[in-house]
Amino acid sequence: MEGVVLLRVEVLGDGGVGKIEVKRSSGYKILDESALGAVKNWRFLPATLDGISVKAWASIPVRFELVK
């Protein structure tokens, strides 16, 4: 099973993750759910506006690939 899940992620001002949406499915529910579960624990550098951290949305591709 391989595929790419494209997630829309709300990055909060502290670098944590807010809302997450599947923007494009891999076609496999288990891969989509795995991507959601992984990304919710990630930390990001937040966007800044006039030197102040602000929340913003980012598109994050998560690739699942079998390596031989």
PDB file of N, CA and C in Angstrom:
ATOM      1  N   MET A   1       0.840  -1.160   0.000  1.00  0.00           N
ATOM      2  CA  MET A   1       0.000   0.000   0.000  1.00  0.00           C
ATOM      3  C   MET A   1       0.896   1.238   0.000  1.00  0.00           C
ATOM      4  N   GLU A   2       0.718   2.105  -0.963  1.00  0.00           N
ATOM      5  CA  GLU A   2       1.489   3.338  -1.071  1.00  0.00           C
ATOM      6  C   GLU A   2       0.544   4.469  -1.435  1.00  0.00           C
ATOM      7  N   GLY A   3       0.972   5.683  -1.176  1.00  0.00           N
ATOM      8  CA  GLY A   3       0.163   6.826  -1.565  1.00  0.00           C
ATOM      9  C   GLY A   3       0.637   8.095  -0.895  1.00  0.00           C
ATOM     10  N   VAL A   4       0.019   9.197  -1.300  1.00  0.00           N
ATOM     11  CA  VAL A   4       0.312  10.505  -0.725  1.00  0.00           C
ATOM     12  C   VAL A   4      -0.988  11.094  -0.207  1.00  0.00           C
ATOM     13  N   VAL A   5      -0.948  11.545   1.040  1.00  0.00           N
ATOM     14  CA  VAL A   5      -2.080  12.231   1.652  1.00  0.00           C
ATOM     15  C   VAL A   5      -1.709  13.707   1.711  1.00  0.00           C
ATOM     16  N   LEU A   6      -2.554  14.573   1.201  1.00  0.00           N
ATOM     17  CA  LEU A   6      -2.312  16.005   1.291  1.00  0.00           C
ATOM     18  C   LEU A   6      -3.198  16.554   2.399  1.00  0.00           C
ATOM     19  N   LEU A   7      -2.551  17.084   3.438  1.00  0.00           N
ATOM     20  CA  LEU A   7      -3.272  17.612   4.585  1.00  0.00           C
ATOM     21  C   LEU A   7      -3.253  19.133   4.579  1.00  0.00           C
ATOM     22  N   ARG A   8      -4.314  19.717   5.063  1.00  0.00           N
ATOM     23  CA  ARG A   8      -4.390  21.159   5.314  1.00  0.00           C
ATOM     24  C   ARG A   8      -4.305  21.301   6.827  1.00  0.00           C
ATOM     25  N   VAL A   9      -3.238  21.954   7.297  1.00  0.00           N
ATOM     26  CA  VAL A   9      -2.924  21.998   8.720  1.00  0.00           C
ATOM     27  C   VAL A   9      -2.938  23.436   9.218  1.00  0.00           C
ATOM     28  N   GLU A  10      -3.641  23.657  10.323  1.00  0.00           N
ATOM     29  CA  GLU A  10      -3.619  24.959  10.984  1.00  0.00           C
ATOM     30  C   GLU A  10      -2.435  24.960  11.950  1.00  0.00           C
ATOM     31  N   VAL A  11      -1.448  25.811  11.673  1.00  0.00           N
ATOM     32  CA  VAL A  11      -0.283  25.945  12.543  1.00  0.00           C
ATOM     33  C   VAL A  11      -0.553  27.116  13.482  1.00  0.00           C
ATOM     34  N   LEU A  12      -0.582  26.828  14.771  1.00  0.00           N
ATOM     35  CA  LEU A  12      -0.896  27.843  15.770  1.00  0.00           C
ATOM     36  C   LEU A  12       0.303  28.755  16.033  1.00  0.00           C
ATOM     37  N   GLY A  13       0.062  29.847  16.693  1.00  0.00           N
ATOM     38  CA  GLY A  13       1.110  30.819  16.981  1.00  0.00           C
ATOM     39  C   GLY A  13       2.251  30.278  17.822  1.00  0.00           C
ATOM     40  N   ASP A  14       2.000  29.211  18.594  1.00  0.00           N
ATOM     41  CA  ASP A  14       3.064  28.606  19.401  1.00  0.00           C
ATOM     42  C   ASP A  14       3.767  27.462  18.673  1.00  0.00           C
ATOM     43  N   GLY A  15       3.386  27.221  17.407  1.00  0.00           N
ATOM     44  CA  GLY A  15       4.002  26.153  16.615  1.00  0.00           C
ATOM     45  C   GLY A  15       3.284  24.826  16.707  1.00  0.00           C
ATOM     46  N   GLY A  16       2.277  24.757  17.558  1.00  0.00           N
ATOM     47  CA  GLY A  16       1.484  23.536  17.670  1.00  0.00           C
ATOM     48  C   GLY A  16       0.495  23.415  16.522  1.00  0.00           C
ATOM     49  N   VAL A  17      -0.210  22.304  16.503  1.00  0.00           N
ATOM     50  CA  VAL A  17      -1.173  22.031  15.438  1.00  0.00           C
ATOM     51  C   VAL A  17      -2.585  22.227  15.964  1.00  0.00           C
ATOM     52  N   GLY A  18      -3.390  22.960  15.204  1.00  0.00           N
ATOM     53  CA  GLY A  18      -4.799  23.140  15.526  1.00  0.00           C
ATOM     54  C   GLY A  18      -5.620  22.143  14.726  1.00  0.00           C
ATOM     55  N   LYS A  19      -6.415  22.653  13.816  1.00  0.00           N
ATOM     56  CA  LYS A  19      -7.271  21.803  12.988  1.00  0.00           C
ATOM     57  C   LYS A  19      -6.455  21.153  11.875  1.00  0.00           C
ATOM     58  N   ILE A  20      -6.887  19.954  11.488  1.00  0.00           N
ATOM     59  CA  ILE A  20      -6.269  19.247  10.361  1.00  0.00           C
ATOM     60  C   ILE A  20      -7.385  18.713   9.481  1.00  0.00           C
ATOM     61  N   GLU A  21      -7.232  18.899   8.176  1.00  0.00           N
ATOM     62  CA  GLU A  21      -8.208  18.397   7.208  1.00  0.00           C
ATOM     63  C   GLU A  21      -7.484  17.614   6.126  1.00  0.00           C
ATOM     64  N   VAL A  22      -8.110  16.561   5.637  1.00  0.00           N
ATOM     65  CA  VAL A  22      -7.566  15.843   4.482  1.00  0.00           C
ATOM     66  C   VAL A  22      -8.001  16.614   3.240  1.00  0.00           C
ATOM     67  N   LYS A  23      -7.024  17.216   2.574  1.00  0.00           N
ATOM     68  CA  LYS A  23      -7.295  17.983   1.356  1.00  0.00           C
ATOM     69  C   LYS A  23      -7.393  17.052   0.150  1.00  0.00           C
ATOM     70  N   ARG A  24      -6.518  16.020   0.128  1.00  0.00           N
ATOM     71  CA  ARG A  24      -6.569  15.008  -0.930  1.00  0.00           C
ATOM     72  C   ARG A  24      -6.206  13.663  -0.319  1.00  0.00           C
ATOM     73  N   SER A  25      -7.099  12.714  -0.440  1.00  0.00           N
ATOM     74  CA  SER A  25      -6.914  11.382   0.129  1.00  0.00           C
ATOM     75  C   SER A  25      -5.912  10.568  -0.687  1.00  0.00           C
ATOM     76  N   SER A  26      -5.291   9.620  -0.004  1.00  0.00           N
ATOM     77  CA  SER A  26      -4.400   8.671  -0.681  1.00  0.00           C
ATOM     78  C   SER A  26      -5.211   7.604  -1.410  1.00  0.00           C
ATOM     79  N   GLY A  27      -6.487   7.507  -1.048  1.00  0.00           N
ATOM     80  CA  GLY A  27      -7.326   6.440  -1.572  1.00  0.00           C
ATOM     81  C   GLY A  27      -7.443   5.275  -0.601  1.00  0.00           C
ATOM     82  N   TYR A  28      -6.673   5.348   0.487  1.00  0.00           N
ATOM     83  CA  TYR A  28      -6.690   4.313   1.517  1.00  0.00           C
ATOM     84  C   TYR A  28      -6.982   4.965   2.864  1.00  0.00           C
ATOM     85  N   LYS A  29      -8.079   4.575   3.474  1.00  0.00           N
ATOM     86  CA  LYS A  29      -8.484   5.171   4.750  1.00  0.00           C
ATOM     87  C   LYS A  29      -7.401   5.030   5.817  1.00  0.00           C
ATOM     88  N   ILE A  30      -6.747   3.885   5.870  1.00  0.00           N
ATOM     89  CA  ILE A  30      -5.729   3.652   6.899  1.00  0.00           C
ATOM     90  C   ILE A  30      -4.530   4.590   6.737  1.00  0.00           C
ATOM     91  N   LEU A  31      -4.142   4.895   5.500  1.00  0.00           N
ATOM     92  CA  LEU A  31      -3.037   5.830   5.282  1.00  0.00           C
ATOM     93  C   LEU A  31      -3.455   7.247   5.651  1.00  0.00           C
ATOM     94  N   ASP A  32      -4.675   7.620   5.285  1.00  0.00           N
ATOM     95  CA  ASP A  32      -5.181   8.953   5.636  1.00  0.00           C
ATOM     96  C   ASP A  32      -5.200   9.134   7.152  1.00  0.00           C
ATOM     97  N   GLU A  33      -5.693   8.127   7.869  1.00  0.00           N
ATOM     98  CA  GLU A  33      -5.770   8.201   9.334  1.00  0.00           C
ATOM     99  C   GLU A  33      -4.380   8.216   9.967  1.00  0.00           C
ATOM    100  N   SER A  34      -3.452   7.475   9.396  1.00  0.00           N
ATOM    101  CA  SER A  34      -2.077   7.463   9.906  1.00  0.00           C
ATOM    102  C   SER A  34      -1.421   8.827   9.727  1.00  0.00           C
ATOM    103  N   ALA A  35      -1.653   9.456   8.586  1.00  0.00           N
ATOM    104  CA  ALA A  35      -1.102  10.790   8.336  1.00  0.00           C
ATOM    105  C   ALA A  35      -1.669  11.796   9.335  1.00  0.00           C
ATOM    106  N   LEU A  36      -2.980  11.750   9.561  1.00  0.00           N
ATOM    107  CA  LEU A  36      -3.610  12.652  10.532  1.00  0.00           C
ATOM    108  C   LEU A  36      -3.023  12.441  11.924  1.00  0.00           C
ATOM    109  N   GLY A  37      -2.865  11.188  12.318  1.00  0.00           N
ATOM    110  CA  GLY A  37      -2.334  10.876  13.638  1.00  0.00           C
ATOM    111  C   GLY A  37      -0.901  11.337  13.836  1.00  0.00           C
ATOM    112  N   ALA A  38      -0.096  11.234  12.800  1.00  0.00           N
ATOM    113  CA  ALA A  38       1.304  11.647  12.897  1.00  0.00           C
ATOM    114  C   ALA A  38       1.434  13.162  12.963  1.00  0.00           C
ATOM    115  N   VAL A  39       0.767  13.853  12.063  1.00  0.00           N
ATOM    116  CA  VAL A  39       0.942  15.302  11.943  1.00  0.00           C
ATOM    117  C   VAL A  39       0.389  16.051  13.156  1.00  0.00           C
ATOM    118  N   LYS A  40      -0.613  15.498  13.823  1.00  0.00           N
ATOM    119  CA  LYS A  40      -1.179  16.213  14.973  1.00  0.00           C
ATOM    120  C   LYS A  40      -0.160  16.381  16.098  1.00  0.00           C
ATOM    121  N   ASN A  41       0.909  15.588  16.096  1.00  0.00           N
ATOM    122  CA  ASN A  41       1.952  15.686  17.120  1.00  0.00           C
ATOM    123  C   ASN A  41       3.183  16.469  16.670  1.00  0.00           C
ATOM    124  N   TRP A  42       3.196  16.940  15.433  1.00  0.00           N
ATOM    125  CA  TRP A  42       4.339  17.683  14.921  1.00  0.00           C
ATOM    126  C   TRP A  42       4.383  19.082  15.525  1.00  0.00           C
ATOM    127  N   ARG A  43       5.564  19.695  15.464  1.00  0.00           N
ATOM    128  CA  ARG A  43       5.754  21.089  15.863  1.00  0.00           C
ATOM    129  C   ARG A  43       6.300  21.838  14.652  1.00  0.00           C
ATOM    130  N   PHE A  44       5.856  23.069  14.483  1.00  0.00           N
ATOM    131  CA  PHE A  44       6.238  23.884  13.336  1.00  0.00           C
ATOM    132  C   PHE A  44       6.812  25.212  13.804  1.00  0.00           C
ATOM    133  N   LEU A  45       7.533  25.873  12.920  1.00  0.00           N
ATOM    134  CA  LEU A  45       7.875  27.274  13.138  1.00  0.00           C
ATOM    135  C   LEU A  45       6.664  28.068  12.673  1.00  0.00           C
ATOM    136  N   PRO A  46       6.055  28.847  13.561  1.00  0.00           N
ATOM    137  CA  PRO A  46       4.843  29.566  13.170  1.00  0.00           C
ATOM    138  C   PRO A  46       5.137  30.704  12.202  1.00  0.00           C
ATOM    139  N   ALA A  47       4.107  31.082  11.478  1.00  0.00           N
ATOM    140  CA  ALA A  47       4.198  32.259  10.618  1.00  0.00           C
ATOM    141  C   ALA A  47       4.325  33.492  11.505  1.00  0.00           C
ATOM    142  N   THR A  48       4.904  34.547  10.961  1.00  0.00           N
ATOM    143  CA  THR A  48       4.998  35.795  11.716  1.00  0.00           C
ATOM    144  C   THR A  48       4.429  36.939  10.894  1.00  0.00           C
ATOM    145  N   LEU A  49       3.898  37.905  11.602  1.00  0.00           N
ATOM    146  CA  LEU A  49       3.373  39.123  10.993  1.00  0.00           C
ATOM    147  C   LEU A  49       3.880  40.274  11.835  1.00  0.00           C
ATOM    148  N   ASP A  50       4.705  41.118  11.246  1.00  0.00           N
ATOM    149  CA  ASP A  50       5.340  42.226  11.972  1.00  0.00           C
ATOM    150  C   ASP A  50       6.089  41.726  13.204  1.00  0.00           C
ATOM    151  N   GLY A  51       6.752  40.576  13.067  1.00  0.00           N
ATOM    152  CA  GLY A  51       7.559  40.025  14.141  1.00  0.00           C
ATOM    153  C   GLY A  51       6.789  39.277  15.216  1.00  0.00           C
ATOM    154  N   ILE A  52       5.478  39.140  15.048  1.00  0.00           N
ATOM    155  CA  ILE A  52       4.638  38.453  16.030  1.00  0.00           C
ATOM    156  C   ILE A  52       4.163  37.131  15.437  1.00  0.00           C
ATOM    157  N   SER A  53       4.270  36.058  16.219  1.00  0.00           N
ATOM    158  CA  SER A  53       3.804  34.743  15.762  1.00  0.00           C
ATOM    159  C   SER A  53       2.291  34.743  15.607  1.00  0.00           C
ATOM    160  N   VAL A  54       1.828  34.208  14.485  1.00  0.00           N
ATOM    161  CA  VAL A  54       0.391  34.141  14.207  1.00  0.00           C
ATOM    162  C   VAL A  54       0.044  32.750  13.687  1.00  0.00           C
ATOM    163  N   LYS A  55      -1.226  32.389  13.809  1.00  0.00           N
ATOM    164  CA  LYS A  55      -1.640  31.105  13.246  1.00  0.00           C
ATOM    165  C   LYS A  55      -1.837  31.260  11.741  1.00  0.00           C
ATOM    166  N   ALA A  56      -1.613  30.171  11.034  1.00  0.00           N
ATOM    167  CA  ALA A  56      -1.744  30.172   9.578  1.00  0.00           C
ATOM    168  C   ALA A  56      -2.006  28.742   9.123  1.00  0.00           C
ATOM    169  N   TRP A  57      -2.483  28.591   7.900  1.00  0.00           N
ATOM    170  CA  TRP A  57      -2.745  27.274   7.320  1.00  0.00           C
ATOM    171  C   TRP A  57      -1.603  26.893   6.391  1.00  0.00           C
ATOM    172  N   ALA A  58      -1.265  25.600   6.394  1.00  0.00           N
ATOM    173  CA  ALA A  58      -0.218  25.080   5.513  1.00  0.00           C
ATOM    174  C   ALA A  58      -0.700  23.782   4.881  1.00  0.00           C
ATOM    175  N   SER A  59      -0.271  23.533   3.648  1.00  0.00           N
ATOM    176  CA  SER A  59      -0.546  22.260   2.979  1.00  0.00           C
ATOM    177  C   SER A  59       0.668  21.364   3.170  1.00  0.00           C
ATOM    178  N   ILE A  60       0.438  20.175   3.723  1.00  0.00           N
ATOM    179  CA  ILE A  60       1.521  19.254   4.051  1.00  0.00           C
ATOM    180  C   ILE A  60       1.278  17.914   3.358  1.00  0.00           C
ATOM    181  N   PRO A  61       2.150  17.523   2.416  1.00  0.00           N
ATOM    182  CA  PRO A  61       2.019  16.186   1.825  1.00  0.00           C
ATOM    183  C   PRO A  61       2.700  15.149   2.720  1.00  0.00           C
ATOM    184  N   VAL A  62       2.041  14.022   2.930  1.00  0.00           N
ATOM    185  CA  VAL A  62       2.618  12.913   3.691  1.00  0.00           C
ATOM    186  C   VAL A  62       2.659  11.714   2.749  1.00  0.00           C
ATOM    187  N   ARG A  63       3.878  11.251   2.461  1.00  0.00           N
ATOM    188  CA  ARG A  63       4.075  10.167   1.489  1.00  0.00           C
ATOM    189  C   ARG A  63       4.295   8.838   2.211  1.00  0.00           C
ATOM    190  N   PHE A  64       3.586   7.832   1.771  1.00  0.00           N
ATOM    191  CA  PHE A  64       3.775   6.461   2.246  1.00  0.00           C
ATOM    192  C   PHE A  64       4.338   5.672   1.073  1.00  0.00           C
ATOM    193  N   GLU A  65       5.537   5.115   1.267  1.00  0.00           N
ATOM    194  CA  GLU A  65       6.214   4.431   0.170  1.00  0.00           C
ATOM    195  C   GLU A  65       6.914   3.181   0.698  1.00  0.00           C
ATOM    196  N   LEU A  66       6.714   2.077   0.027  1.00  0.00           N
ATOM    197  CA  LEU A  66       7.415   0.843   0.372  1.00  0.00           C
ATOM    198  C   LEU A  66       8.804   0.884  -0.248  1.00  0.00           C
ATOM    199  N   VAL A  67       9.797   0.585   0.551  1.00  0.00           N
ATOM    200  CA  VAL A  67      11.176   0.590   0.073  1.00  0.00           C
ATOM    201  C   VAL A  67      11.636  -0.851  -0.081  1.00  0.00           C
ATOM    202  N   LYS A  68      12.247  -1.141  -1.238  1.00  0.00           N
ATOM    203  CA  LYS A  68      12.708  -2.505  -1.509  1.00  0.00           C
ATOM    204  C   LYS A  68      14.140  -2.674  -1.101  1.00  0.00           C
TER     205      LYS A  68
END
